[in-house]
Amino acid sequence: MLSVLTLSQNLMTVTKAEILKWITLSADVMQENKQYLTDLDSPIGDADHGINMARGFKKVLERLPTVQDKDIGNILKTTGMALISSVGGASGPLYGTFFMRAAAPVMSKEVLTDDDLVAMLDMGLEGVISRGRANLGDKTMVDGWTPALEALRTAFANGADTKTAMQACVAGAEQGMQDTIPMLAKKGRASYLGERSVGHQDPGATSTYFLLNALLEAIS
């Protein structure tokens, strides 16, 4: 009996309350880093990434009370719709698509297993790739998401619990973000700069790191 109880206590899941907390923390971090993200975007983009992300998540927070009693899938779908409707440029459609695609495998769920968590984030990334037509190495947010999710899957495969796996995920996102600095941009506004895009950290990969770190904080 003791061994069964101990095993059940070691099983971790992600609750709806933690997903709601994730969205709220994401809004906070985008507001706190609005100027930083905009400064990153200034030399290689339209100098509006931080402004757009802060505005988009402010709109998300306004809509969040209407779905607090809904399932996780509907919460994510509403988040995506709010971002698409309120954010201009590339970040709104891309992050909006991420959340709307991420919603699909977790519709009707109140609690997420580790497999659900991976499926949610994987589907979100697939949506970003499909919408933005970017690949790994193009100096976009994909360069943050891809190593992050590879690290998450590897950690789970090696028996890590949810928190430890998410720590690996965030570390992967951080490394991917830093790896964009020497890259030559091949997609987006930065690609027009050619060699001048080298030496700058991608703002989309940076906001991806912030988003995943907020998820880690929410489940911790």
N, C-alpha and C. Protein backbone atom coordinates (compact mmCIF):
# COMPACT_ATOMS: atom_id res chain seq x y z
N MET A 1 0.83 -1.20 0.00
CA MET A 1 0.00 0.00 0.00
C MET A 1 0.87 1.25 0.00
N LEU A 2 1.93 1.23 0.79
CA LEU A 2 2.82 2.38 0.87
C LEU A 2 3.49 2.64 -0.48
N SER A 3 3.92 1.56 -1.16
CA SER A 3 4.60 1.74 -2.44
C SER A 3 3.67 2.34 -3.49
N VAL A 4 2.40 1.94 -3.47
CA VAL A 4 1.43 2.48 -4.42
C VAL A 4 1.20 3.97 -4.14
N LEU A 5 1.08 4.33 -2.87
CA LEU A 5 0.88 5.72 -2.50
C LEU A 5 2.07 6.57 -2.90
N THR A 6 3.26 6.06 -2.66
CA THR A 6 4.47 6.79 -3.02
C THR A 6 4.54 7.02 -4.51
N LEU A 7 4.18 5.99 -5.29
CA LEU A 7 4.21 6.11 -6.74
C LEU A 7 3.24 7.19 -7.21
N SER A 8 2.04 7.19 -6.65
CA SER A 8 1.03 8.16 -7.07
C SER A 8 1.46 9.58 -6.74
N GLN A 9 2.20 9.75 -5.64
CA GLN A 9 2.66 11.08 -5.27
C GLN A 9 3.75 11.57 -6.20
N ASN A 10 4.44 10.66 -6.86
CA ASN A 10 5.52 11.05 -7.77
C ASN A 10 5.01 11.38 -9.17
N LEU A 11 3.77 11.02 -9.46
CA LEU A 11 3.22 11.32 -10.77
C LEU A 11 2.79 12.78 -10.81
N MET A 12 3.33 13.55 -11.76
CA MET A 12 3.00 14.97 -11.85
C MET A 12 2.15 15.23 -13.07
N THR A 13 1.24 16.16 -12.94
CA THR A 13 0.40 16.58 -14.04
C THR A 13 0.35 18.10 -14.05
N VAL A 14 -0.20 18.64 -15.13
CA VAL A 14 -0.38 20.08 -15.24
C VAL A 14 -1.87 20.36 -15.18
N THR A 15 -2.29 21.18 -14.23
CA THR A 15 -3.71 21.43 -14.02
C THR A 15 -4.19 22.65 -14.81
N LYS A 16 -5.50 22.78 -14.89
CA LYS A 16 -6.09 23.93 -15.55
C LYS A 16 -5.67 25.22 -14.83
N ALA A 17 -5.63 25.18 -13.51
CA ALA A 17 -5.21 26.36 -12.75
C ALA A 17 -3.79 26.78 -13.12
N GLU A 18 -2.93 25.81 -13.36
CA GLU A 18 -1.55 26.12 -13.74
C GLU A 18 -1.48 26.68 -15.16
N ILE A 19 -2.35 26.23 -16.04
CA ILE A 19 -2.40 26.78 -17.40
C ILE A 19 -2.87 28.24 -17.35
N LEU A 20 -3.88 28.50 -16.53
CA LEU A 20 -4.34 29.88 -16.36
C LEU A 20 -3.24 30.76 -15.78
N LYS A 21 -2.50 30.20 -14.82
CA LYS A 21 -1.38 30.94 -14.24
C LYS A 21 -0.30 31.19 -15.28
N TRP A 22 -0.08 30.21 -16.16
CA TRP A 22 0.90 30.36 -17.24
C TRP A 22 0.55 31.57 -18.12
N ILE A 23 -0.71 31.66 -18.50
CA ILE A 23 -1.13 32.76 -19.36
C ILE A 23 -0.93 34.10 -18.65
N THR A 24 -1.29 34.14 -17.38
CA THR A 24 -1.14 35.38 -16.61
C THR A 24 0.33 35.77 -16.46
N LEU A 25 1.18 34.79 -16.15
CA LEU A 25 2.61 35.06 -16.02
C LEU A 25 3.22 35.49 -17.35
N SER A 26 2.72 34.91 -18.44
CA SER A 26 3.22 35.28 -19.76
C SER A 26 2.90 36.74 -20.04
N ALA A 27 1.70 37.16 -19.68
CA ALA A 27 1.33 38.57 -19.86
C ALA A 27 2.24 39.47 -19.04
N ASP A 28 2.53 39.05 -17.82
CA ASP A 28 3.41 39.84 -16.95
C ASP A 28 4.80 39.98 -17.54
N VAL A 29 5.35 38.87 -18.01
CA VAL A 29 6.74 38.90 -18.50
C VAL A 29 6.84 39.67 -19.81
N MET A 30 5.80 39.63 -20.63
CA MET A 30 5.84 40.40 -21.87
C MET A 30 5.76 41.90 -21.58
N GLN A 31 4.99 42.26 -20.57
CA GLN A 31 4.91 43.66 -20.18
C GLN A 31 6.23 44.13 -19.58
N GLU A 32 6.80 43.29 -18.72
CA GLU A 32 8.07 43.65 -18.06
C GLU A 32 9.22 43.78 -19.06
N ASN A 33 9.16 42.99 -20.13
CA ASN A 33 10.26 42.98 -21.10
C ASN A 33 9.88 43.63 -22.42
N LYS A 34 8.84 44.45 -22.37
CA LYS A 34 8.37 45.12 -23.60
C LYS A 34 9.49 45.92 -24.27
N GLN A 35 10.20 46.71 -23.49
CA GLN A 35 11.25 47.54 -24.07
C GLN A 35 12.43 46.69 -24.54
N TYR A 36 12.78 45.67 -23.77
CA TYR A 36 13.91 44.80 -24.14
C TYR A 36 13.63 44.11 -25.47
N LEU A 37 12.43 43.54 -25.62
CA LEU A 37 12.08 42.86 -26.87
C LEU A 37 12.03 43.84 -28.04
N THR A 38 11.57 45.04 -27.78
CA THR A 38 11.52 46.06 -28.82
C THR A 38 12.93 46.48 -29.23
N ASP A 39 13.81 46.59 -28.25
CA ASP A 39 15.20 46.94 -28.54
C ASP A 39 15.88 45.85 -29.38
N LEU A 40 15.57 44.59 -29.09
CA LEU A 40 16.13 43.49 -29.89
C LEU A 40 15.62 43.56 -31.32
N ASP A 41 14.36 43.96 -31.46
CA ASP A 41 13.73 44.00 -32.77
C ASP A 41 14.16 45.21 -33.60
N SER A 42 14.64 46.23 -32.93
CA SER A 42 14.93 47.49 -33.60
C SER A 42 15.95 47.37 -34.75
N PRO A 43 17.10 46.70 -34.55
CA PRO A 43 18.09 46.67 -35.63
C PRO A 43 17.77 45.68 -36.75
N ILE A 44 16.86 44.72 -36.51
CA ILE A 44 16.62 43.69 -37.53
C ILE A 44 15.14 43.52 -37.89
N GLY A 45 14.28 44.34 -37.29
CA GLY A 45 12.85 44.20 -37.56
C GLY A 45 12.16 45.55 -37.61
N ASP A 46 10.92 45.58 -37.14
CA ASP A 46 10.12 46.81 -37.17
C ASP A 46 10.11 47.53 -35.83
N ALA A 47 10.93 47.11 -34.90
CA ALA A 47 11.03 47.73 -33.57
C ALA A 47 9.68 47.75 -32.85
N ASP A 48 8.93 46.66 -32.99
CA ASP A 48 7.61 46.63 -32.35
C ASP A 48 7.28 45.28 -31.69
N HIS A 49 8.23 44.37 -31.62
CA HIS A 49 7.92 43.03 -31.10
C HIS A 49 7.47 43.09 -29.64
N GLY A 50 8.20 43.83 -28.83
CA GLY A 50 7.83 43.94 -27.42
C GLY A 50 6.50 44.64 -27.23
N ILE A 51 6.29 45.71 -27.98
CA ILE A 51 5.03 46.45 -27.92
C ILE A 51 3.88 45.54 -28.31
N ASN A 52 4.05 44.79 -29.39
CA ASN A 52 3.00 43.90 -29.88
C ASN A 52 2.68 42.77 -28.90
N MET A 53 3.73 42.17 -28.33
CA MET A 53 3.51 41.07 -27.40
C MET A 53 2.81 41.55 -26.13
N ALA A 54 3.22 42.70 -25.64
CA ALA A 54 2.57 43.26 -24.44
C ALA A 54 1.11 43.59 -24.73
N ARG A 55 0.85 44.19 -25.88
CA ARG A 55 -0.52 44.54 -26.24
C ARG A 55 -1.38 43.29 -26.40
N GLY A 56 -0.82 42.29 -27.07
CA GLY A 56 -1.57 41.06 -27.31
C GLY A 56 -1.95 40.34 -26.03
N PHE A 57 -1.01 40.21 -25.12
CA PHE A 57 -1.31 39.50 -23.87
C PHE A 57 -2.17 40.34 -22.92
N LYS A 58 -2.15 41.64 -23.08
CA LYS A 58 -3.09 42.47 -22.33
C LYS A 58 -4.52 42.14 -22.76
N LYS A 59 -4.70 41.98 -24.06
CA LYS A 59 -6.02 41.60 -24.59
C LYS A 59 -6.40 40.20 -24.11
N VAL A 60 -5.42 39.30 -24.05
CA VAL A 60 -5.68 37.95 -23.54
C VAL A 60 -6.20 38.01 -22.11
N LEU A 61 -5.55 38.82 -21.27
CA LEU A 61 -5.98 38.93 -19.88
C LEU A 61 -7.41 39.46 -19.76
N GLU A 62 -7.78 40.33 -20.68
CA GLU A 62 -9.14 40.86 -20.66
C GLU A 62 -10.17 39.77 -20.95
N ARG A 63 -9.78 38.81 -21.76
CA ARG A 63 -10.72 37.74 -22.15
C ARG A 63 -10.65 36.52 -21.23
N LEU A 64 -9.58 36.43 -20.46
CA LEU A 64 -9.38 35.24 -19.64
C LEU A 64 -10.53 34.96 -18.66
N PRO A 65 -11.10 35.97 -18.02
CA PRO A 65 -12.21 35.68 -17.08
C PRO A 65 -13.40 34.98 -17.74
N THR A 66 -13.57 35.13 -19.05
CA THR A 66 -14.72 34.52 -19.73
C THR A 66 -14.54 33.02 -19.96
N VAL A 67 -13.30 32.53 -19.77
CA VAL A 67 -13.05 31.10 -20.03
C VAL A 67 -12.45 30.37 -18.83
N GLN A 68 -12.44 31.02 -17.67
CA GLN A 68 -11.84 30.38 -16.50
C GLN A 68 -12.55 29.10 -16.08
N ASP A 69 -13.82 28.99 -16.45
CA ASP A 69 -14.57 27.78 -16.11
C ASP A 69 -14.59 26.78 -17.25
N LYS A 70 -13.87 27.09 -18.34
CA LYS A 70 -13.82 26.20 -19.50
C LYS A 70 -12.64 25.23 -19.38
N ASP A 71 -12.54 24.29 -20.31
CA ASP A 71 -11.44 23.33 -20.30
C ASP A 71 -10.16 23.97 -20.85
N ILE A 72 -9.06 23.26 -20.71
CA ILE A 72 -7.76 23.79 -21.11
C ILE A 72 -7.72 24.13 -22.60
N GLY A 73 -8.30 23.28 -23.41
CA GLY A 73 -8.30 23.53 -24.85
C GLY A 73 -8.98 24.84 -25.19
N ASN A 74 -10.11 25.11 -24.57
CA ASN A 74 -10.82 26.36 -24.84
C ASN A 74 -10.07 27.58 -24.32
N ILE A 75 -9.36 27.42 -23.22
CA ILE A 75 -8.53 28.51 -22.70
C ILE A 75 -7.43 28.87 -23.70
N LEU A 76 -6.77 27.85 -24.23
CA LEU A 76 -5.70 28.08 -25.20
C LEU A 76 -6.24 28.65 -26.51
N LYS A 77 -7.38 28.15 -26.94
CA LYS A 77 -8.00 28.64 -28.18
C LYS A 77 -8.36 30.12 -28.04
N THR A 78 -8.94 30.49 -26.92
CA THR A 78 -9.30 31.89 -26.69
C THR A 78 -8.07 32.78 -26.64
N THR A 79 -6.99 32.26 -26.04
CA THR A 79 -5.72 32.99 -26.01
C THR A 79 -5.23 33.26 -27.43
N GLY A 80 -5.25 32.24 -28.26
CA GLY A 80 -4.81 32.39 -29.64
C GLY A 80 -5.64 33.37 -30.42
N MET A 81 -6.94 33.30 -30.26
CA MET A 81 -7.84 34.21 -30.97
C MET A 81 -7.62 35.65 -30.55
N ALA A 82 -7.37 35.86 -29.25
CA ALA A 82 -7.11 37.21 -28.75
C ALA A 82 -5.83 37.78 -29.34
N LEU A 83 -4.80 36.96 -29.45
CA LEU A 83 -3.53 37.41 -30.01
C LEU A 83 -3.67 37.75 -31.49
N ILE A 84 -4.35 36.92 -32.23
CA ILE A 84 -4.51 37.16 -33.66
C ILE A 84 -5.31 38.44 -33.91
N SER A 85 -6.33 38.68 -33.09
CA SER A 85 -7.21 39.83 -33.31
C SER A 85 -6.63 41.15 -32.84
N SER A 86 -5.58 41.10 -32.01
CA SER A 86 -5.10 42.34 -31.40
C SER A 86 -3.66 42.71 -31.72
N VAL A 87 -2.92 41.80 -32.35
CA VAL A 87 -1.50 42.05 -32.59
C VAL A 87 -1.21 42.10 -34.09
N GLY A 88 -0.55 43.16 -34.50
CA GLY A 88 -0.15 43.29 -35.89
C GLY A 88 1.19 42.62 -36.15
N GLY A 89 1.69 42.79 -37.36
CA GLY A 89 2.97 42.20 -37.72
C GLY A 89 2.91 40.69 -37.78
N ALA A 90 4.07 40.06 -37.63
CA ALA A 90 4.14 38.60 -37.72
C ALA A 90 3.85 37.92 -36.40
N SER A 91 4.15 38.57 -35.28
CA SER A 91 4.07 37.90 -33.98
C SER A 91 2.65 37.52 -33.61
N GLY A 92 1.67 38.35 -33.91
CA GLY A 92 0.29 38.04 -33.59
C GLY A 92 -0.21 36.77 -34.26
N PRO A 93 -0.14 36.71 -35.60
CA PRO A 93 -0.57 35.50 -36.29
C PRO A 93 0.22 34.26 -35.89
N LEU A 94 1.52 34.40 -35.65
CA LEU A 94 2.34 33.24 -35.31
C LEU A 94 2.04 32.72 -33.91
N TYR A 95 2.04 33.59 -32.93
CA TYR A 95 1.73 33.15 -31.57
C TYR A 95 0.26 32.79 -31.44
N GLY A 96 -0.60 33.50 -32.16
CA GLY A 96 -2.01 33.14 -32.15
C GLY A 96 -2.22 31.75 -32.70
N THR A 97 -1.54 31.44 -33.81
CA THR A 97 -1.63 30.11 -34.40
C THR A 97 -1.06 29.06 -33.45
N PHE A 98 0.03 29.41 -32.76
CA PHE A 98 0.61 28.48 -31.80
C PHE A 98 -0.43 28.04 -30.78
N PHE A 99 -1.09 28.99 -30.15
CA PHE A 99 -2.05 28.65 -29.09
C PHE A 99 -3.29 27.95 -29.65
N MET A 100 -3.73 28.33 -30.82
CA MET A 100 -4.92 27.69 -31.38
C MET A 100 -4.62 26.25 -31.78
N ARG A 101 -3.46 26.00 -32.34
CA ARG A 101 -3.08 24.62 -32.67
C ARG A 101 -2.81 23.81 -31.41
N ALA A 102 -2.19 24.45 -30.42
CA ALA A 102 -1.89 23.77 -29.16
C ALA A 102 -3.16 23.33 -28.46
N ALA A 103 -4.24 24.04 -28.71
CA ALA A 103 -5.52 23.72 -28.07
C ALA A 103 -6.10 22.39 -28.55
N ALA A 104 -5.83 22.05 -29.80
CA ALA A 104 -6.50 20.90 -30.43
C ALA A 104 -6.34 19.58 -29.66
N PRO A 105 -5.13 19.19 -29.27
CA PRO A 105 -4.98 17.89 -28.60
C PRO A 105 -5.40 17.88 -27.13
N VAL A 106 -5.78 19.05 -26.59
CA VAL A 106 -6.14 19.09 -25.17
C VAL A 106 -7.56 19.61 -24.95
N MET A 107 -8.37 19.60 -25.99
CA MET A 107 -9.76 20.00 -25.83
C MET A 107 -10.46 19.05 -24.85
N SER A 108 -11.31 19.62 -24.03
CA SER A 108 -12.11 18.90 -23.02
C SER A 108 -11.29 18.40 -21.84
N LYS A 109 -10.01 18.75 -21.78
CA LYS A 109 -9.16 18.27 -20.68
C LYS A 109 -9.08 19.32 -19.57
N GLU A 110 -9.16 18.82 -18.33
CA GLU A 110 -9.01 19.67 -17.15
C GLU A 110 -7.61 19.51 -16.54
N VAL A 111 -6.97 18.41 -16.87
CA VAL A 111 -5.62 18.10 -16.38
C VAL A 111 -4.82 17.51 -17.53
N LEU A 112 -3.54 17.85 -17.61
CA LEU A 112 -2.68 17.35 -18.67
C LEU A 112 -1.66 16.35 -18.12
N THR A 113 -1.53 15.23 -18.79
CA THR A 113 -0.43 14.31 -18.50
C THR A 113 0.83 14.84 -19.18
N ASP A 114 1.96 14.20 -18.93
CA ASP A 114 3.19 14.60 -19.60
C ASP A 114 3.05 14.44 -21.12
N ASP A 115 2.40 13.37 -21.55
CA ASP A 115 2.17 13.17 -22.99
C ASP A 115 1.31 14.28 -23.56
N ASP A 116 0.30 14.71 -22.81
CA ASP A 116 -0.56 15.81 -23.25
C ASP A 116 0.25 17.10 -23.40
N LEU A 117 1.13 17.32 -22.45
CA LEU A 117 1.96 18.53 -22.47
C LEU A 117 2.83 18.57 -23.72
N VAL A 118 3.46 17.44 -24.02
CA VAL A 118 4.30 17.36 -25.22
C VAL A 118 3.46 17.55 -26.48
N ALA A 119 2.30 16.89 -26.54
CA ALA A 119 1.43 17.01 -27.71
C ALA A 119 0.97 18.44 -27.90
N MET A 120 0.61 19.11 -26.81
CA MET A 120 0.16 20.49 -26.85
C MET A 120 1.23 21.40 -27.45
N LEU A 121 2.44 21.31 -26.93
CA LEU A 121 3.53 22.17 -27.40
C LEU A 121 3.97 21.79 -28.81
N ASP A 122 3.99 20.50 -29.12
CA ASP A 122 4.36 20.04 -30.46
C ASP A 122 3.40 20.57 -31.52
N MET A 123 2.11 20.47 -31.23
CA MET A 123 1.11 20.95 -32.19
C MET A 123 1.22 22.46 -32.36
N GLY A 124 1.52 23.16 -31.27
CA GLY A 124 1.71 24.60 -31.37
C GLY A 124 2.87 24.94 -32.29
N LEU A 125 3.99 24.24 -32.12
CA LEU A 125 5.15 24.48 -32.97
C LEU A 125 4.85 24.15 -34.43
N GLU A 126 4.14 23.06 -34.66
CA GLU A 126 3.76 22.71 -36.04
C GLU A 126 2.95 23.84 -36.67
N GLY A 127 2.09 24.46 -35.88
CA GLY A 127 1.32 25.58 -36.38
C GLY A 127 2.19 26.77 -36.74
N VAL A 128 3.18 27.06 -35.91
CA VAL A 128 4.11 28.16 -36.19
C VAL A 128 4.88 27.90 -37.47
N ILE A 129 5.38 26.68 -37.63
CA ILE A 129 6.14 26.33 -38.83
C ILE A 129 5.28 26.42 -40.08
N SER A 130 4.06 25.93 -39.96
CA SER A 130 3.14 25.96 -41.10
C SER A 130 2.78 27.39 -41.48
N ARG A 131 2.52 28.22 -40.49
CA ARG A 131 2.11 29.60 -40.74
C ARG A 131 3.27 30.46 -41.23
N GLY A 132 4.44 30.30 -40.60
CA GLY A 132 5.57 31.15 -40.93
C GLY A 132 6.49 30.59 -41.99
N ARG A 133 6.33 29.29 -42.30
CA ARG A 133 7.18 28.62 -43.29
C ARG A 133 8.66 28.79 -42.99
N ALA A 134 8.99 28.73 -41.71
CA ALA A 134 10.39 28.84 -41.29
C ALA A 134 10.89 27.49 -40.81
N ASN A 135 12.19 27.29 -40.95
CA ASN A 135 12.82 26.06 -40.51
C ASN A 135 13.90 26.38 -39.48
N LEU A 136 14.38 25.34 -38.83
CA LEU A 136 15.48 25.50 -37.88
C LEU A 136 16.68 26.11 -38.60
N GLY A 137 17.25 27.14 -38.02
CA GLY A 137 18.41 27.80 -38.61
C GLY A 137 18.07 29.04 -39.42
N ASP A 138 16.78 29.39 -39.50
CA ASP A 138 16.37 30.56 -40.27
C ASP A 138 16.39 31.85 -39.44
N LYS A 139 16.74 31.74 -38.16
CA LYS A 139 16.80 32.89 -37.23
C LYS A 139 15.39 33.42 -36.96
N THR A 140 14.55 32.54 -36.43
CA THR A 140 13.19 32.91 -36.04
C THR A 140 12.87 32.26 -34.71
N MET A 141 11.62 32.40 -34.27
CA MET A 141 11.20 31.76 -33.03
C MET A 141 11.30 30.24 -33.10
N VAL A 142 11.29 29.69 -34.29
CA VAL A 142 11.44 28.24 -34.46
C VAL A 142 12.76 27.77 -33.86
N ASP A 143 13.77 28.62 -33.88
CA ASP A 143 15.07 28.26 -33.32
C ASP A 143 15.05 28.23 -31.81
N GLY A 144 14.03 28.80 -31.20
CA GLY A 144 13.84 28.66 -29.77
C GLY A 144 12.98 27.46 -29.43
N TRP A 145 11.88 27.30 -30.16
CA TRP A 145 10.94 26.21 -29.89
C TRP A 145 11.54 24.84 -30.15
N THR A 146 12.26 24.67 -31.24
CA THR A 146 12.71 23.34 -31.64
C THR A 146 13.64 22.68 -30.62
N PRO A 147 14.75 23.32 -30.23
CA PRO A 147 15.61 22.67 -29.21
C PRO A 147 14.91 22.53 -27.87
N ALA A 148 13.98 23.43 -27.57
CA ALA A 148 13.24 23.35 -26.30
C ALA A 148 12.40 22.07 -26.25
N LEU A 149 11.68 21.79 -27.32
CA LEU A 149 10.82 20.61 -27.34
C LEU A 149 11.62 19.32 -27.48
N GLU A 150 12.74 19.39 -28.16
CA GLU A 150 13.63 18.21 -28.21
C GLU A 150 14.13 17.88 -26.81
N ALA A 151 14.50 18.90 -26.06
CA ALA A 151 14.99 18.69 -24.69
C ALA A 151 13.88 18.16 -23.80
N LEU A 152 12.65 18.64 -24.00
CA LEU A 152 11.51 18.18 -23.20
C LEU A 152 11.24 16.70 -23.46
N ARG A 153 11.21 16.31 -24.72
CA ARG A 153 10.95 14.90 -25.06
C ARG A 153 12.06 13.99 -24.54
N THR A 154 13.30 14.44 -24.67
CA THR A 154 14.43 13.64 -24.20
C THR A 154 14.38 13.46 -22.69
N ALA A 155 14.04 14.53 -21.98
CA ALA A 155 13.96 14.45 -20.52
C ALA A 155 12.89 13.47 -20.08
N PHE A 156 11.72 13.53 -20.70
CA PHE A 156 10.66 12.58 -20.35
C PHE A 156 11.06 11.16 -20.69
N ALA A 157 11.72 10.98 -21.82
CA ALA A 157 12.16 9.64 -22.23
C ALA A 157 13.16 9.06 -21.23
N ASN A 158 13.89 9.94 -20.57
CA ASN A 158 14.88 9.50 -19.58
C ASN A 158 14.31 9.40 -18.17
N GLY A 159 12.98 9.55 -18.05
CA GLY A 159 12.32 9.35 -16.77
C GLY A 159 12.17 10.58 -15.90
N ALA A 160 12.42 11.76 -16.44
CA ALA A 160 12.31 12.98 -15.64
C ALA A 160 10.86 13.27 -15.28
N ASP A 161 10.65 13.93 -14.13
CA ASP A 161 9.30 14.38 -13.79
C ASP A 161 8.99 15.66 -14.56
N THR A 162 7.78 16.17 -14.41
CA THR A 162 7.33 17.30 -15.23
C THR A 162 8.19 18.54 -15.00
N LYS A 163 8.44 18.86 -13.75
CA LYS A 163 9.22 20.06 -13.46
C LYS A 163 10.63 19.95 -14.01
N THR A 164 11.27 18.81 -13.81
CA THR A 164 12.64 18.63 -14.30
C THR A 164 12.69 18.67 -15.82
N ALA A 165 11.70 18.06 -16.45
CA ALA A 165 11.63 18.07 -17.92
C ALA A 165 11.43 19.50 -18.43
N MET A 166 10.59 20.28 -17.75
CA MET A 166 10.37 21.66 -18.16
C MET A 166 11.61 22.51 -17.94
N GLN A 167 12.38 22.19 -16.92
CA GLN A 167 13.64 22.91 -16.72
C GLN A 167 14.58 22.66 -17.90
N ALA A 168 14.61 21.42 -18.37
CA ALA A 168 15.42 21.09 -19.55
C ALA A 168 14.88 21.80 -20.78
N CYS A 169 13.57 21.87 -20.87
CA CYS A 169 12.91 22.55 -21.99
C CYS A 169 13.31 24.02 -22.04
N VAL A 170 13.26 24.68 -20.91
CA VAL A 170 13.60 26.10 -20.83
C VAL A 170 15.09 26.31 -21.14
N ALA A 171 15.93 25.41 -20.66
CA ALA A 171 17.36 25.50 -20.97
C ALA A 171 17.58 25.35 -22.48
N GLY A 172 16.83 24.47 -23.11
CA GLY A 172 16.92 24.30 -24.56
C GLY A 172 16.49 25.55 -25.30
N ALA A 173 15.42 26.18 -24.81
CA ALA A 173 14.94 27.43 -25.42
C ALA A 173 15.97 28.54 -25.28
N GLU A 174 16.60 28.60 -24.10
CA GLU A 174 17.61 29.64 -23.86
C GLU A 174 18.81 29.45 -24.77
N GLN A 175 19.24 28.20 -24.93
CA GLN A 175 20.37 27.94 -25.82
C GLN A 175 20.01 28.25 -27.27
N GLY A 176 18.79 27.86 -27.66
CA GLY A 176 18.34 28.15 -29.01
C GLY A 176 18.28 29.65 -29.27
N MET A 177 17.82 30.39 -28.29
CA MET A 177 17.76 31.85 -28.38
C MET A 177 19.16 32.43 -28.59
N GLN A 178 20.12 31.98 -27.79
CA GLN A 178 21.48 32.48 -27.91
C GLN A 178 22.13 32.07 -29.23
N ASP A 179 21.74 30.90 -29.72
CA ASP A 179 22.30 30.41 -30.99
C ASP A 179 21.85 31.23 -32.19
N THR A 180 20.80 32.04 -32.02
CA THR A 180 20.36 32.87 -33.16
C THR A 180 21.30 34.05 -33.40
N ILE A 181 22.11 34.40 -32.42
CA ILE A 181 22.95 35.60 -32.54
C ILE A 181 23.87 35.53 -33.77
N PRO A 182 24.62 34.44 -33.98
CA PRO A 182 25.50 34.42 -35.15
C PRO A 182 24.82 34.02 -36.46
N MET A 183 23.52 33.73 -36.40
CA MET A 183 22.82 33.26 -37.60
C MET A 183 22.58 34.38 -38.61
N LEU A 184 22.51 33.98 -39.87
CA LEU A 184 22.08 34.84 -40.95
C LEU A 184 20.58 34.63 -41.12
N ALA A 185 19.81 35.70 -41.01
CA ALA A 185 18.36 35.57 -41.10
C ALA A 185 17.94 35.17 -42.52
N LYS A 186 17.03 34.20 -42.59
CA LYS A 186 16.53 33.72 -43.88
C LYS A 186 15.02 33.92 -44.03
N LYS A 187 14.38 34.37 -42.95
CA LYS A 187 12.94 34.60 -43.00
C LYS A 187 12.60 35.91 -42.30
N GLY A 188 11.48 36.48 -42.67
CA GLY A 188 11.01 37.68 -42.01
C GLY A 188 11.74 38.94 -42.44
N ARG A 189 11.42 40.02 -41.76
CA ARG A 189 12.01 41.32 -42.08
C ARG A 189 13.53 41.31 -41.97
N ALA A 190 14.05 40.55 -41.00
CA ALA A 190 15.50 40.50 -40.80
C ALA A 190 16.24 39.94 -42.01
N SER A 191 15.56 39.10 -42.79
CA SER A 191 16.21 38.48 -43.95
C SER A 191 16.58 39.50 -45.01
N TYR A 192 15.89 40.66 -45.02
CA TYR A 192 16.20 41.70 -45.99
C TYR A 192 17.54 42.35 -45.73
N LEU A 193 18.04 42.18 -44.51
CA LEU A 193 19.29 42.83 -44.13
C LEU A 193 20.53 42.04 -44.55
N GLY A 194 20.33 40.78 -44.92
CA GLY A 194 21.46 39.95 -45.31
C GLY A 194 22.47 39.79 -44.19
N GLU A 195 23.74 40.05 -44.49
CA GLU A 195 24.81 39.87 -43.51
C GLU A 195 24.65 40.78 -42.28
N ARG A 196 23.93 41.87 -42.43
CA ARG A 196 23.75 42.79 -41.30
C ARG A 196 22.86 42.19 -40.21
N SER A 197 22.17 41.09 -40.54
CA SER A 197 21.36 40.43 -39.51
C SER A 197 22.20 39.59 -38.56
N VAL A 198 23.42 39.29 -38.94
CA VAL A 198 24.32 38.50 -38.10
C VAL A 198 24.75 39.33 -36.90
N GLY A 199 24.80 38.68 -35.73
CA GLY A 199 25.24 39.37 -34.52
C GLY A 199 24.11 39.89 -33.65
N HIS A 200 22.87 39.63 -34.07
CA HIS A 200 21.71 40.10 -33.31
C HIS A 200 20.87 38.91 -32.84
N GLN A 201 20.42 38.96 -31.60
CA GLN A 201 19.57 37.90 -31.05
C GLN A 201 18.15 38.07 -31.57
N ASP A 202 17.57 36.98 -32.01
CA ASP A 202 16.23 37.05 -32.58
C ASP A 202 15.18 37.35 -31.50
N PRO A 203 14.36 38.37 -31.69
CA PRO A 203 13.35 38.70 -30.68
C PRO A 203 12.27 37.64 -30.51
N GLY A 204 11.92 36.95 -31.60
CA GLY A 204 10.91 35.90 -31.51
C GLY A 204 11.40 34.71 -30.70
N ALA A 205 12.65 34.33 -30.89
CA ALA A 205 13.23 33.25 -30.09
C ALA A 205 13.32 33.66 -28.63
N THR A 206 13.50 34.96 -28.39
CA THR A 206 13.59 35.47 -27.03
C THR A 206 12.23 35.43 -26.33
N SER A 207 11.18 35.86 -27.03
CA SER A 207 9.84 35.80 -26.43
C SER A 207 9.40 34.36 -26.23
N THR A 208 9.87 33.45 -27.07
CA THR A 208 9.62 32.03 -26.88
C THR A 208 10.22 31.54 -25.57
N TYR A 209 11.45 31.95 -25.31
CA TYR A 209 12.11 31.60 -24.05
C TYR A 209 11.31 32.14 -22.86
N PHE A 210 10.86 33.38 -22.95
CA PHE A 210 10.07 33.97 -21.87
C PHE A 210 8.78 33.18 -21.64
N LEU A 211 8.14 32.77 -22.73
CA LEU A 211 6.87 32.04 -22.65
C LEU A 211 7.06 30.69 -21.96
N LEU A 212 8.10 29.97 -22.34
CA LEU A 212 8.35 28.66 -21.75
C LEU A 212 8.82 28.79 -20.30
N ASN A 213 9.57 29.81 -20.00
CA ASN A 213 10.00 30.02 -18.62
C ASN A 213 8.80 30.34 -17.74
N ALA A 214 7.82 31.05 -18.29
CA ALA A 214 6.60 31.34 -17.55
C ALA A 214 5.83 30.05 -17.27
N LEU A 215 5.83 29.12 -18.23
CA LEU A 215 5.18 27.83 -18.01
C LEU A 215 5.87 27.05 -16.90
N LEU A 216 7.19 27.06 -16.90
CA LEU A 216 7.94 26.40 -15.84
C LEU A 216 7.59 27.00 -14.47
N GLU A 217 7.53 28.32 -14.42
CA GLU A 217 7.20 28.99 -13.16
C GLU A 217 5.79 28.63 -12.71
N ALA A 218 4.88 28.52 -13.67
CA ALA A 218 3.49 28.21 -13.33
C ALA A 218 3.33 26.82 -12.72
N ILE A 219 4.12 25.86 -13.19
CA ILE A 219 3.98 24.49 -12.67
C ILE A 219 4.90 24.23 -11.49
N SER A 220 5.73 25.20 -11.15
CA SER A 220 6.67 25.02 -10.04
C SER A 220 6.06 25.47 -8.72
